[in-house]
């Protein structure tokens, strides 16, 4: 091999290493962005809303009962 061929081979292997590293880092960045931008949604949103409504009704009825006694 000539000296120029050896240098070209070194450059190509360095470029491949950089490409692999860049691809890996880009994948990590994309995953981090997705976690920040789109946090995991809870599946129990409807149940939570129902529970909050029931709790509010109970609290309001308790407060009304207390004020009626006064």
PDB file of N, CA and C in Angstrom:
ATOM      1  N   UNK A   1       0.840  -1.182   0.000  1.00  0.00           N
ATOM      2  CA  UNK A   1       0.000   0.000   0.000  1.00  0.00           C
ATOM      3  C   UNK A   1       0.884   1.243   0.000  1.00  0.00           C
ATOM      4  N   UNK A   2       0.408   2.190  -0.693  1.00  0.00           N
ATOM      5  CA  UNK A   2       1.159   3.433  -0.702  1.00  0.00           C
ATOM      6  C   UNK A   2       0.767   4.260   0.520  1.00  0.00           C
ATOM      7  N   UNK A   3       1.513   5.260   0.741  1.00  0.00           N
ATOM      8  CA  UNK A   3       1.280   6.125   1.899  1.00  0.00           C
ATOM      9  C   UNK A   3      -0.072   6.829   1.778  1.00  0.00           C
ATOM     10  N   UNK A   4      -0.411   7.220   0.572  1.00  0.00           N
ATOM     11  CA  UNK A   4      -1.674   7.916   0.355  1.00  0.00           C
ATOM     12  C   UNK A   4      -2.860   6.985   0.614  1.00  0.00           C
ATOM     13  N   UNK A   5      -2.763   5.732   0.214  1.00  0.00           N
ATOM     14  CA  UNK A   5      -3.837   4.769   0.453  1.00  0.00           C
ATOM     15  C   UNK A   5      -4.034   4.526   1.947  1.00  0.00           C
ATOM     16  N   UNK A   6      -2.922   4.475   2.689  1.00  0.00           N
ATOM     17  CA  UNK A   6      -3.020   4.281   4.136  1.00  0.00           C
ATOM     18  C   UNK A   6      -3.714   5.469   4.796  1.00  0.00           C
ATOM     19  N   UNK A   7      -3.382   6.674   4.362  1.00  0.00           N
ATOM     20  CA  UNK A   7      -4.022   7.865   4.923  1.00  0.00           C
ATOM     21  C   UNK A   7      -5.515   7.881   4.602  1.00  0.00           C
ATOM     22  N   UNK A   8      -5.850   7.499   3.369  1.00  0.00           N
ATOM     23  CA  UNK A   8      -7.267   7.455   2.993  1.00  0.00           C
ATOM     24  C   UNK A   8      -8.026   6.430   3.829  1.00  0.00           C
ATOM     25  N   UNK A   9      -7.397   5.305   4.107  1.00  0.00           N
ATOM     26  CA  UNK A   9      -8.026   4.268   4.919  1.00  0.00           C
ATOM     27  C   UNK A   9      -8.245   4.761   6.346  1.00  0.00           C
ATOM     28  N   UNK A  10      -7.259   5.460   6.902  1.00  0.00           N
ATOM     29  CA  UNK A  10      -7.399   6.015   8.253  1.00  0.00           C
ATOM     30  C   UNK A  10      -8.548   7.019   8.302  1.00  0.00           C
ATOM     31  N   UNK A  11      -8.610   7.876   7.290  1.00  0.00           N
ATOM     32  CA  UNK A  11      -9.672   8.883   7.257  1.00  0.00           C
ATOM     33  C   UNK A  11     -11.045   8.234   7.188  1.00  0.00           C
ATOM     34  N   UNK A  12     -11.159   7.196   6.355  1.00  0.00           N
ATOM     35  CA  UNK A  12     -12.466   6.554   6.211  1.00  0.00           C
ATOM     36  C   UNK A  12     -12.879   5.849   7.497  1.00  0.00           C
ATOM     37  N   UNK A  13     -11.935   5.227   8.204  1.00  0.00           N
ATOM     38  CA  UNK A  13     -12.285   4.563   9.462  1.00  0.00           C
ATOM     39  C   UNK A  13     -12.650   5.589  10.529  1.00  0.00           C
ATOM     40  N   UNK A  14     -11.952   6.724  10.550  1.00  0.00           N
ATOM     41  CA  UNK A  14     -12.306   7.784  11.498  1.00  0.00           C
ATOM     42  C   UNK A  14     -13.686   8.343  11.177  1.00  0.00           C
ATOM     43  N   UNK A  15     -13.963   8.502   9.893  1.00  0.00           N
ATOM     44  CA  UNK A  15     -15.271   9.011   9.481  1.00  0.00           C
ATOM     45  C   UNK A  15     -16.382   8.068   9.876  1.00  0.00           C
ATOM     46  N   UNK A  16     -16.141   6.768   9.741  1.00  0.00           N
ATOM     47  CA  UNK A  16     -17.153   5.788  10.132  1.00  0.00           C
ATOM     48  C   UNK A  16     -17.385   5.829  11.635  1.00  0.00           C
ATOM     49  N   UNK A  17     -16.298   5.956  12.398  1.00  0.00           N
ATOM     50  CA  UNK A  17     -16.442   6.061  13.852  1.00  0.00           C
ATOM     51  C   UNK A  17     -17.258   7.296  14.220  1.00  0.00           C
ATOM     52  N   UNK A  18     -16.955   8.399  13.560  1.00  0.00           N
ATOM     53  CA  UNK A  18     -17.699   9.632  13.837  1.00  0.00           C
ATOM     54  C   UNK A  18     -19.167   9.469  13.471  1.00  0.00           C
ATOM     55  N   UNK A  19     -19.412   8.841  12.326  1.00  0.00           N
ATOM     56  CA  UNK A  19     -20.800   8.650  11.899  1.00  0.00           C
ATOM     57  C   UNK A  19     -21.571   7.795  12.899  1.00  0.00           C
ATOM     58  N   UNK A  20     -20.939   6.730  13.380  1.00  0.00           N
ATOM     59  CA  UNK A  20     -21.603   5.872  14.364  1.00  0.00           C
ATOM     60  C   UNK A  20     -21.857   6.624  15.660  1.00  0.00           C
ATOM     61  N   UNK A  21     -20.860   7.387  16.094  1.00  0.00           N
ATOM     62  CA  UNK A  21     -21.004   8.164  17.323  1.00  0.00           C
ATOM     63  C   UNK A  21     -22.089   9.223  17.156  1.00  0.00           C
ATOM     64  N   UNK A  22     -22.077   9.891  16.016  1.00  0.00           N
ATOM     65  CA  UNK A  22     -23.085  10.917  15.758  1.00  0.00           C
ATOM     66  C   UNK A  22     -24.480  10.310  15.731  1.00  0.00           C
ATOM     67  N   UNK A  23     -24.614   9.173  15.084  1.00  0.00           N
ATOM     68  CA  UNK A  23     -25.922   8.513  15.025  1.00  0.00           C
ATOM     69  C   UNK A  23     -26.391   8.121  16.422  1.00  0.00           C
ATOM     70  N   UNK A  24     -25.477   7.616  17.242  1.00  0.00           N
ATOM     71  CA  UNK A  24     -25.832   7.220  18.608  1.00  0.00           C
ATOM     72  C   UNK A  24     -26.247   8.438  19.431  1.00  0.00           C
ATOM     73  N   UNK A  25     -25.486   9.514  19.317  1.00  0.00           N
ATOM     74  CA  UNK A  25     -25.807  10.722  20.085  1.00  0.00           C
ATOM     75  C   UNK A  25     -27.128  11.328  19.615  1.00  0.00           C
ATOM     76  N   UNK A  26     -27.371  11.298  18.304  1.00  0.00           N
ATOM     77  CA  UNK A  26     -28.637  11.822  17.794  1.00  0.00           C
ATOM     78  C   UNK A  26     -29.815  11.007  18.307  1.00  0.00           C
ATOM     79  N   UNK A  27     -29.647   9.705  18.388  1.00  0.00           N
ATOM     80  CA  UNK A  27     -30.717   8.853  18.915  1.00  0.00           C
ATOM     81  C   UNK A  27     -30.993   9.184  20.382  1.00  0.00           C
ATOM     82  N   UNK A  28     -29.931   9.397  21.151  1.00  0.00           N
ATOM     83  CA  UNK A  28     -30.114   9.749  22.563  1.00  0.00           C
ATOM     84  C   UNK A  28     -30.803  11.103  22.703  1.00  0.00           C
ATOM     85  N   UNK A  29     -30.402  12.067  21.866  1.00  0.00           N
ATOM     86  CA  UNK A  29     -31.023  13.388  21.913  1.00  0.00           C
ATOM     87  C   UNK A  29     -32.506  13.310  21.569  1.00  0.00           C
ATOM     88  N   UNK A  30     -32.820  12.534  20.548  1.00  0.00           N
ATOM     89  CA  UNK A  30     -34.212  12.398  20.135  1.00  0.00           C
ATOM     90  C   UNK A  30     -35.048  11.784  21.251  1.00  0.00           C
ATOM     91  N   UNK A  31     -34.501  10.776  21.907  1.00  0.00           N
ATOM     92  CA  UNK A  31     -35.218  10.137  23.008  1.00  0.00           C
ATOM     93  C   UNK A  31     -35.433  11.119  24.158  1.00  0.00           C
ATOM     94  N   UNK A  32     -34.407  11.905  24.479  1.00  0.00           N
ATOM     95  CA  UNK A  32     -34.527  12.882  25.566  1.00  0.00           C
ATOM     96  C   UNK A  32     -35.557  13.949  25.220  1.00  0.00           C
ATOM     97  N   UNK A  33     -35.555  14.414  23.970  1.00  0.00           N
ATOM     98  CA  UNK A  33     -36.538  15.416  23.560  1.00  0.00           C
ATOM     99  C   UNK A  33     -37.950  14.869  23.665  1.00  0.00           C
ATOM    100  N   UNK A  34     -38.139  13.633  23.248  1.00  0.00           N
ATOM    101  CA  UNK A  34     -39.470  13.040  23.312  1.00  0.00           C
ATOM    102  C   UNK A  34     -39.950  12.913  24.749  1.00  0.00           C
ATOM    103  N   UNK A  35     -39.053  12.607  25.663  1.00  0.00           N
ATOM    104  CA  UNK A  35     -39.454  12.480  27.062  1.00  0.00           C
ATOM    105  C   UNK A  35     -39.832  13.825  27.647  1.00  0.00           C
ATOM    106  N   UNK A  36     -39.128  14.891  27.242  1.00  0.00           N
ATOM    107  CA  UNK A  36     -39.431  16.219  27.766  1.00  0.00           C
ATOM    108  C   UNK A  36     -40.665  16.789  27.085  1.00  0.00           C
ATOM    109  N   UNK A  37     -40.729  16.685  25.770  1.00  0.00           N
ATOM    110  CA  UNK A  37     -41.829  17.284  25.022  1.00  0.00           C
ATOM    111  C   UNK A  37     -43.122  16.496  25.175  1.00  0.00           C
ATOM    112  N   UNK A  38     -43.024  15.184  25.237  1.00  0.00           N
ATOM    113  CA  UNK A  38     -44.205  14.342  25.331  1.00  0.00           C
ATOM    114  C   UNK A  38     -44.087  13.429  26.544  1.00  0.00           C
ATOM    115  N   UNK A  39     -44.357  13.954  27.726  1.00  0.00           N
ATOM    116  CA  UNK A  39     -44.271  13.071  28.894  1.00  0.00           C
ATOM    117  C   UNK A  39     -45.330  11.982  28.807  1.00  0.00           C
ATOM    118  N   UNK A  40     -45.077  10.904  29.488  1.00  0.00           N
ATOM    119  CA  UNK A  40     -46.012   9.781  29.441  1.00  0.00           C
ATOM    120  C   UNK A  40     -47.357  10.199  30.022  1.00  0.00           C
ATOM    121  N   UNK A  41     -48.395   9.936  29.261  1.00  0.00           N
ATOM    122  CA  UNK A  41     -49.738  10.294  29.712  1.00  0.00           C
ATOM    123  C   UNK A  41     -50.303   9.152  30.543  1.00  0.00           C
ATOM    124  N   UNK A  42     -51.002   9.526  31.583  1.00  0.00           N
ATOM    125  CA  UNK A  42     -51.620   8.490  32.402  1.00  0.00           C
ATOM    126  C   UNK A  42     -52.894   8.021  31.721  1.00  0.00           C
ATOM    127  N   UNK A  43     -53.164   6.750  31.825  1.00  0.00           N
ATOM    128  CA  UNK A  43     -54.338   6.182  31.180  1.00  0.00           C
ATOM    129  C   UNK A  43     -55.587   6.374  32.027  1.00  0.00           C
ATOM    130  N   UNK A  44     -55.418   6.784  33.252  1.00  0.00           N
ATOM    131  CA  UNK A  44     -56.553   6.892  34.165  1.00  0.00           C
ATOM    132  C   UNK A  44     -57.090   8.312  34.255  1.00  0.00           C
ATOM    133  N   UNK A  45     -56.985   9.081  33.190  1.00  0.00           N
ATOM    134  CA  UNK A  45     -57.417  10.467  33.232  1.00  0.00           C
ATOM    135  C   UNK A  45     -58.916  10.564  33.494  1.00  0.00           C
ATOM    136  N   UNK A  46     -59.692   9.728  32.847  1.00  0.00           N
ATOM    137  CA  UNK A  46     -61.144   9.749  33.050  1.00  0.00           C
ATOM    138  C   UNK A  46     -61.519   9.384  34.467  1.00  0.00           C
ATOM    139  N   UNK A  47     -60.864   8.362  35.002  1.00  0.00           N
ATOM    140  CA  UNK A  47     -61.135   7.950  36.387  1.00  0.00           C
ATOM    141  C   UNK A  47     -60.729   9.045  37.366  1.00  0.00           C
ATOM    142  N   UNK A  48     -59.617   9.701  37.089  1.00  0.00           N
ATOM    143  CA  UNK A  48     -59.152  10.778  37.960  1.00  0.00           C
ATOM    144  C   UNK A  48     -60.155  11.926  37.953  1.00  0.00           C
ATOM    145  N   UNK A  49     -60.654  12.281  36.773  1.00  0.00           N
ATOM    146  CA  UNK A  49     -61.642  13.348  36.662  1.00  0.00           C
ATOM    147  C   UNK A  49     -62.920  12.980  37.417  1.00  0.00           C
ATOM    148  N   UNK A  50     -63.359  11.752  37.260  1.00  0.00           N
ATOM    149  CA  UNK A  50     -64.553  11.278  37.967  1.00  0.00           C
ATOM    150  C   UNK A  50     -64.343  11.362  39.478  1.00  0.00           C
ATOM    151  N   UNK A  51     -63.187  10.956  39.952  1.00  0.00           N
ATOM    152  CA  UNK A  51     -62.884  11.016  41.380  1.00  0.00           C
ATOM    153  C   UNK A  51     -62.859  12.441  41.904  1.00  0.00           C
ATOM    154  N   UNK A  52     -62.314  13.357  41.107  1.00  0.00           N
ATOM    155  CA  UNK A  52     -62.276  14.762  41.530  1.00  0.00           C
ATOM    156  C   UNK A  52     -63.684  15.337  41.626  1.00  0.00           C
ATOM    157  N   UNK A  53     -64.547  14.985  40.686  1.00  0.00           N
ATOM    158  CA  UNK A  53     -65.928  15.484  40.719  1.00  0.00           C
ATOM    159  C   UNK A  53     -66.658  14.947  41.941  1.00  0.00           C
ATOM    160  N   UNK A  54     -66.511  13.661  42.210  1.00  0.00           N
ATOM    161  CA  UNK A  54     -67.158  13.061  43.385  1.00  0.00           C
ATOM    162  C   UNK A  54     -66.637  13.710  44.666  1.00  0.00           C
ATOM    163  N   UNK A  55     -65.322  13.925  44.745  1.00  0.00           N
ATOM    164  CA  UNK A  55     -64.739  14.566  45.934  1.00  0.00           C
ATOM    165  C   UNK A  55     -65.276  15.974  46.112  1.00  0.00           C
ATOM    166  N   UNK A  56     -65.383  16.725  45.017  1.00  0.00           N
ATOM    167  CA  UNK A  56     -65.898  18.091  45.104  1.00  0.00           C
ATOM    168  C   UNK A  56     -67.346  18.090  45.585  1.00  0.00           C
ATOM    169  N   UNK A  57     -68.148  17.164  45.090  1.00  0.00           N
ATOM    170  CA  UNK A  57     -69.554  17.079  45.515  1.00  0.00           C
ATOM    171  C   UNK A  57     -69.644  16.764  47.003  1.00  0.00           C
ATOM    172  N   UNK A  58     -68.831  15.847  47.477  1.00  0.00           N
ATOM    173  CA  UNK A  58     -68.850  15.484  48.899  1.00  0.00           C
ATOM    174  C   UNK A  58     -68.430  16.669  49.761  1.00  0.00           C
ATOM    175  N   UNK A  59     -67.381  17.372  49.362  1.00  0.00           N
ATOM    176  CA  UNK A  59     -66.905  18.525  50.142  1.00  0.00           C
ATOM    177  C   UNK A  59     -67.954  19.627  50.162  1.00  0.00           C
ATOM    178  N   UNK A  60     -68.554  19.916  49.010  1.00  0.00           N
ATOM    179  CA  UNK A  60     -69.569  20.972  48.954  1.00  0.00           C
ATOM    180  C   UNK A  60     -70.784  20.603  49.799  1.00  0.00           C
ATOM    181  N   UNK A  61     -71.202  19.349  49.720  1.00  0.00           N
ATOM    182  CA  UNK A  61     -72.366  18.942  50.524  1.00  0.00           C
ATOM    183  C   UNK A  61     -72.040  19.004  52.015  1.00  0.00           C
ATOM    184  N   UNK A  62     -70.822  18.673  52.400  1.00  0.00           N
ATOM    185  CA  UNK A  62     -70.424  18.763  53.808  1.00  0.00           C
ATOM    186  C   UNK A  62     -70.408  20.220  54.263  1.00  0.00           C
ATOM    187  N   UNK A  63     -69.889  21.115  53.438  1.00  0.00           N
ATOM    188  CA  UNK A  63     -69.875  22.541  53.793  1.00  0.00           C
ATOM    189  C   UNK A  63     -71.289  23.099  53.905  1.00  0.00           C
ATOM    190  N   UNK A  64     -72.166  22.712  52.987  1.00  0.00           N
ATOM    191  CA  UNK A  64     -73.556  23.171  53.064  1.00  0.00           C
ATOM    192  C   UNK A  64     -74.230  22.667  54.336  1.00  0.00           C
ATOM    193  N   UNK A  65     -73.962  21.428  54.713  1.00  0.00           N
ATOM    194  CA  UNK A  65     -74.548  20.874  55.939  1.00  0.00           C
ATOM    195  C   UNK A  65     -74.044  21.635  57.159  1.00  0.00           C
ATOM    196  N   UNK A  66     -72.765  21.988  57.175  1.00  0.00           N
ATOM    197  CA  UNK A  66     -72.203  22.737  58.306  1.00  0.00           C
ATOM    198  C   UNK A  66     -72.839  24.115  58.394  1.00  0.00           C
ATOM    199  N   UNK A  67     -73.006  24.807  57.255  1.00  0.00           N
ATOM    200  CA  UNK A  67     -73.584  26.152  57.279  1.00  0.00           C
ATOM    201  C   UNK A  67     -75.071  26.128  57.641  1.00  0.00           C
ATOM    202  N   UNK A  68     -75.758  25.056  57.328  1.00  0.00           N
ATOM    203  CA  UNK A  68     -77.172  24.952  57.699  1.00  0.00           C
ATOM    204  C   UNK A  68     -77.326  24.809  59.211  1.00  0.00           C
ATOM    205  N   UNK A  69     -76.353  24.158  59.845  1.00  0.00           N
ATOM    206  CA  UNK A  69     -76.420  23.975  61.291  1.00  0.00           C
ATOM    207  C   UNK A  69     -76.160  25.276  62.037  1.00  0.00           C
ATOM    208  N   UNK A  70     -75.520  26.207  61.438  1.00  0.00           N
ATOM    209  CA  UNK A  70     -75.179  27.461  62.127  1.00  0.00           C
ATOM    210  C   UNK A  70     -76.357  28.355  62.289  1.00  0.00           C
TER     211      UNK A  70
END
